[in-house]
């Protein structure tokens, strides 16, 4: 079932040009691809994004879509990876914030991990929602009206769409399985645009 669960669905991975935690991009990306989905890398400018392994530069990955030109209505689901600098950049970009808000208010599923919820806070879409995160942003989420829990993965259905959240890279196995399951259960978008050929899954398309 997992191998075809996301066939015909396109999943946006929104990241900044620099600062995304590599494992939190590549591991869910691979899970989506293996489930038959089409992952697309969305960023605030074209070219390549620079990923990090904690504080060290890691690989770079090619951008599929620039967020200012992207229509959230064309994607079935959204993944927000973490890394400290990544959401800190995204929450200062009006187009990125609007993209995230459009997903959350339209009822399509969103998955977020680690520091990724910072962008949700900026979009003002966590009020009344329950989620987990890296512990250091707990206060930010509480101040934004969210309910915070310390769990490996949490699925919140108290809103327009499902919100899947996890705390850190160690949670990725259950995060990946949960987001695939939840994305597969959500109603698919009708009438995807004629996408250009998507890049190969992230782990096999890196440049050192």
Protein backbone atom coordinates (compact mmCIF):
# COMPACT_ATOMS: atom_id res chain seq x y z
CA UNK A 1 0.00 0.00 0.00
CA UNK A 2 2.77 2.42 0.97
CA UNK A 3 4.44 2.10 -2.42
CA UNK A 4 1.43 3.60 -4.22
CA UNK A 5 -0.21 5.59 -1.43
CA UNK A 6 0.69 8.98 -2.90
CA UNK A 7 0.47 8.25 -6.62
CA UNK A 8 -0.74 11.33 -8.47
CA UNK A 9 -0.08 13.67 -5.55
CA UNK A 10 2.41 16.53 -5.51
CA UNK A 11 4.03 17.52 -2.23
CA UNK A 12 5.75 20.88 -1.74
CA UNK A 13 8.88 21.02 0.42
CA UNK A 14 9.38 24.68 1.38
CA UNK A 15 12.89 25.66 2.45
CA UNK A 16 15.10 28.75 2.56
CA UNK A 17 18.07 29.14 0.20
CA UNK A 18 20.37 28.25 3.10
CA UNK A 19 20.03 26.58 6.48
CA UNK A 20 17.69 23.59 6.13
CA UNK A 21 18.70 20.56 8.20
CA UNK A 22 19.57 18.06 5.46
CA UNK A 23 18.08 14.93 7.02
CA UNK A 24 14.79 16.73 7.61
CA UNK A 25 14.61 17.47 3.89
CA UNK A 26 15.97 14.29 2.33
CA UNK A 27 14.35 11.70 4.58
CA UNK A 28 10.70 12.85 4.18
CA UNK A 29 11.41 13.57 0.50
CA UNK A 30 12.49 9.98 -0.02
CA UNK A 31 9.44 8.73 1.88
CA UNK A 32 7.11 10.72 -0.38
CA UNK A 33 8.89 9.51 -3.53
CA UNK A 34 8.86 5.87 -2.39
CA UNK A 35 5.12 6.18 -1.72
CA UNK A 36 4.56 7.18 -5.34
CA UNK A 37 4.24 10.93 -4.77
CA UNK A 38 5.97 13.78 -6.59
CA UNK A 39 8.02 15.93 -4.21
CA UNK A 40 8.95 19.44 -5.38
CA UNK A 41 11.48 21.74 -3.76
CA UNK A 42 10.11 25.25 -3.28
CA UNK A 43 12.29 28.13 -2.12
CA UNK A 44 12.42 31.92 -2.07
CA UNK A 45 14.79 32.16 -5.01
CA UNK A 46 15.88 29.96 -7.93
CA UNK A 47 19.09 27.97 -8.15
CA UNK A 48 20.18 25.60 -5.41
CA UNK A 49 19.59 25.48 -1.68
CA UNK A 50 22.42 24.86 0.76
CA UNK A 51 21.60 22.23 3.36
CA UNK A 52 23.40 21.79 6.67
CA UNK A 53 24.17 18.97 9.06
CA UNK A 54 23.79 20.85 12.31
CA UNK A 55 26.31 23.72 11.92
CA UNK A 56 28.30 22.23 9.03
CA UNK A 57 27.59 22.78 5.33
CA UNK A 58 26.27 19.64 3.69
CA UNK A 59 24.88 19.14 0.18
CA UNK A 60 23.06 21.45 -2.21
CA UNK A 61 19.78 20.70 -3.97
CA UNK A 62 18.12 22.24 -7.05
CA UNK A 63 14.99 24.34 -6.62
CA UNK A 64 11.92 23.24 -8.59
CA UNK A 65 9.62 26.19 -7.90
CA UNK A 66 10.12 29.75 -6.60
CA UNK A 67 7.56 30.54 -3.92
CA UNK A 68 6.59 33.98 -5.22
CA UNK A 69 5.43 32.32 -8.46
CA UNK A 70 4.00 29.18 -6.86
CA UNK A 71 0.27 28.65 -6.31
CA UNK A 72 -0.43 26.67 -3.15
CA UNK A 73 -3.62 25.37 -4.77
CA UNK A 74 -1.51 23.28 -7.17
CA UNK A 75 0.04 21.09 -4.45
CA UNK A 76 -1.62 18.33 -2.43
CA UNK A 77 0.40 18.72 0.76
CA UNK A 78 3.24 20.69 2.35
CA UNK A 79 6.33 19.67 4.31
CA UNK A 80 8.23 22.22 6.41
CA UNK A 81 11.67 20.87 7.38
CA UNK A 82 13.65 22.43 10.20
CA UNK A 83 17.12 23.75 10.84
CA UNK A 84 17.40 26.98 12.85
CA UNK A 85 18.29 29.37 10.00
CA UNK A 86 15.79 27.85 7.56
CA UNK A 87 12.46 28.92 9.15
CA UNK A 88 14.07 32.10 10.46
CA UNK A 89 14.56 33.16 6.83
CA UNK A 90 11.16 31.90 5.64
CA UNK A 91 9.23 33.85 8.27
CA UNK A 92 10.71 37.10 6.98
CA UNK A 93 9.62 36.40 3.39
CA UNK A 94 6.02 37.54 2.73
CA UNK A 95 5.51 35.14 -0.19
CA UNK A 96 6.69 32.16 1.86
CA UNK A 97 4.43 33.10 4.77
CA UNK A 98 1.46 33.56 2.43
CA UNK A 99 2.18 30.17 0.81
CA UNK A 100 2.13 28.45 4.21
CA UNK A 101 -1.01 30.30 5.32
CA UNK A 102 -2.80 29.28 2.12
CA UNK A 103 -2.11 25.61 2.82
CA UNK A 104 -3.27 25.77 6.40
CA UNK A 105 -6.46 27.69 5.72
CA UNK A 106 -7.44 25.59 2.67
CA UNK A 107 -7.57 22.35 4.63
CA UNK A 108 -4.73 20.55 2.90
CA UNK A 109 -2.35 18.58 5.14
CA UNK A 110 0.89 20.04 6.47
CA UNK A 111 3.82 18.23 8.11
CA UNK A 112 6.42 20.14 10.12
CA UNK A 113 9.45 19.12 12.14
CA UNK A 114 11.97 20.61 14.59
CA UNK A 115 12.23 24.44 14.19
CA UNK A 116 9.86 24.39 11.20
CA UNK A 117 6.84 25.65 13.20
CA UNK A 118 8.40 29.12 13.39
CA UNK A 119 6.98 29.77 9.92
CA UNK A 120 3.56 28.56 11.09
CA UNK A 121 3.76 31.05 13.96
CA UNK A 122 4.49 33.89 11.54
CA UNK A 123 1.55 32.81 9.37
CA UNK A 124 -0.69 32.88 12.49
CA UNK A 125 -2.08 29.41 11.86
CA UNK A 126 -1.25 27.59 15.11
CA UNK A 127 -3.87 29.24 17.33
CA UNK A 128 -5.89 26.43 18.91
CA UNK A 129 -3.76 23.72 17.27
CA UNK A 130 -1.76 21.08 19.15
CA UNK A 131 1.74 20.28 17.97
CA UNK A 132 5.23 19.38 19.01
CA UNK A 133 8.58 20.89 18.01
CA UNK A 134 12.18 21.35 19.02
CA UNK A 135 11.89 22.29 22.74
CA UNK A 136 13.45 25.74 22.38
CA UNK A 137 10.52 27.10 20.35
CA UNK A 138 7.86 25.82 22.78
CA UNK A 139 7.36 29.31 24.25
CA UNK A 140 6.95 30.86 20.78
CA UNK A 141 4.22 28.36 19.98
CA UNK A 142 2.44 28.89 23.31
CA UNK A 143 2.57 32.67 22.82
CA UNK A 144 1.01 32.18 19.38
CA UNK A 145 -1.93 30.32 20.90
CA UNK A 146 -0.87 26.73 20.27
CA UNK A 147 -0.97 23.78 22.64
CA UNK A 148 2.49 22.18 22.89
CA UNK A 149 3.20 18.51 23.59
CA UNK A 150 6.46 16.58 23.94
CA UNK A 151 5.78 13.63 21.64
CA UNK A 152 7.66 11.76 18.92
CA UNK A 153 4.90 12.67 16.49
CA UNK A 154 1.55 14.39 16.95
CA UNK A 155 -1.37 14.53 14.54
CA UNK A 156 -3.69 17.49 15.09
CA UNK A 157 -7.13 17.52 13.47
CA UNK A 158 -8.44 20.62 15.31
CA UNK A 159 -8.40 22.89 12.27
CA UNK A 160 -9.15 23.13 8.57
CA UNK A 161 -6.55 20.47 7.73
CA UNK A 162 -4.39 17.83 9.37
CA UNK A 163 -1.15 19.05 10.98
CA UNK A 164 1.59 16.45 11.55
CA UNK A 165 4.51 17.51 13.75
CA UNK A 166 7.67 15.99 15.20
CA UNK A 167 10.51 17.23 17.40
CA UNK A 168 13.87 16.35 15.86
CA UNK A 169 15.79 14.20 13.35
CA UNK A 170 15.58 11.16 15.62
CA UNK A 171 11.81 11.24 15.12
CA UNK A 172 12.05 11.02 11.32
CA UNK A 173 11.07 7.34 10.89
CA UNK A 174 7.69 7.79 12.59
CA UNK A 175 7.29 11.31 11.15
CA UNK A 176 7.75 9.95 7.63
CA UNK A 177 5.32 7.07 8.08
CA UNK A 178 2.71 9.34 9.62
CA UNK A 179 2.89 12.06 6.99
CA UNK A 180 2.60 9.52 4.17
CA UNK A 181 -0.47 8.02 5.84
CA UNK A 182 -2.12 11.38 6.46
CA UNK A 183 -1.28 12.81 3.03
CA UNK A 184 -2.75 9.70 1.39
CA UNK A 185 -6.04 10.09 3.27
CA UNK A 186 -6.57 13.76 2.33
CA UNK A 187 -8.65 14.60 -0.76
CA UNK A 188 -6.34 15.08 -3.77
CA UNK A 189 -6.07 18.35 -5.67
CA UNK A 190 -7.86 18.29 -8.99
CA UNK A 191 -6.15 19.60 -12.12
CA UNK A 192 -2.46 19.77 -11.34
CA UNK A 193 -0.52 21.99 -13.77
CA UNK A 194 1.67 20.27 -16.39
CA UNK A 195 4.73 20.10 -14.14
CA UNK A 196 8.13 20.04 -15.74
CA UNK A 197 9.99 16.79 -15.11
CA UNK A 198 10.67 16.65 -11.39
CA UNK A 199 14.18 16.24 -10.08
CA UNK A 200 15.25 12.85 -8.82
CA UNK A 201 14.80 12.17 -5.11
CA UNK A 202 17.04 14.43 -3.07
CA UNK A 203 19.53 11.85 -1.74
CA UNK A 204 20.68 11.00 -5.27
CA UNK A 205 20.97 14.54 -6.62
CA UNK A 206 23.40 16.22 -4.28
CA UNK A 207 26.51 18.20 -5.09
CA UNK A 208 29.28 18.25 -2.53
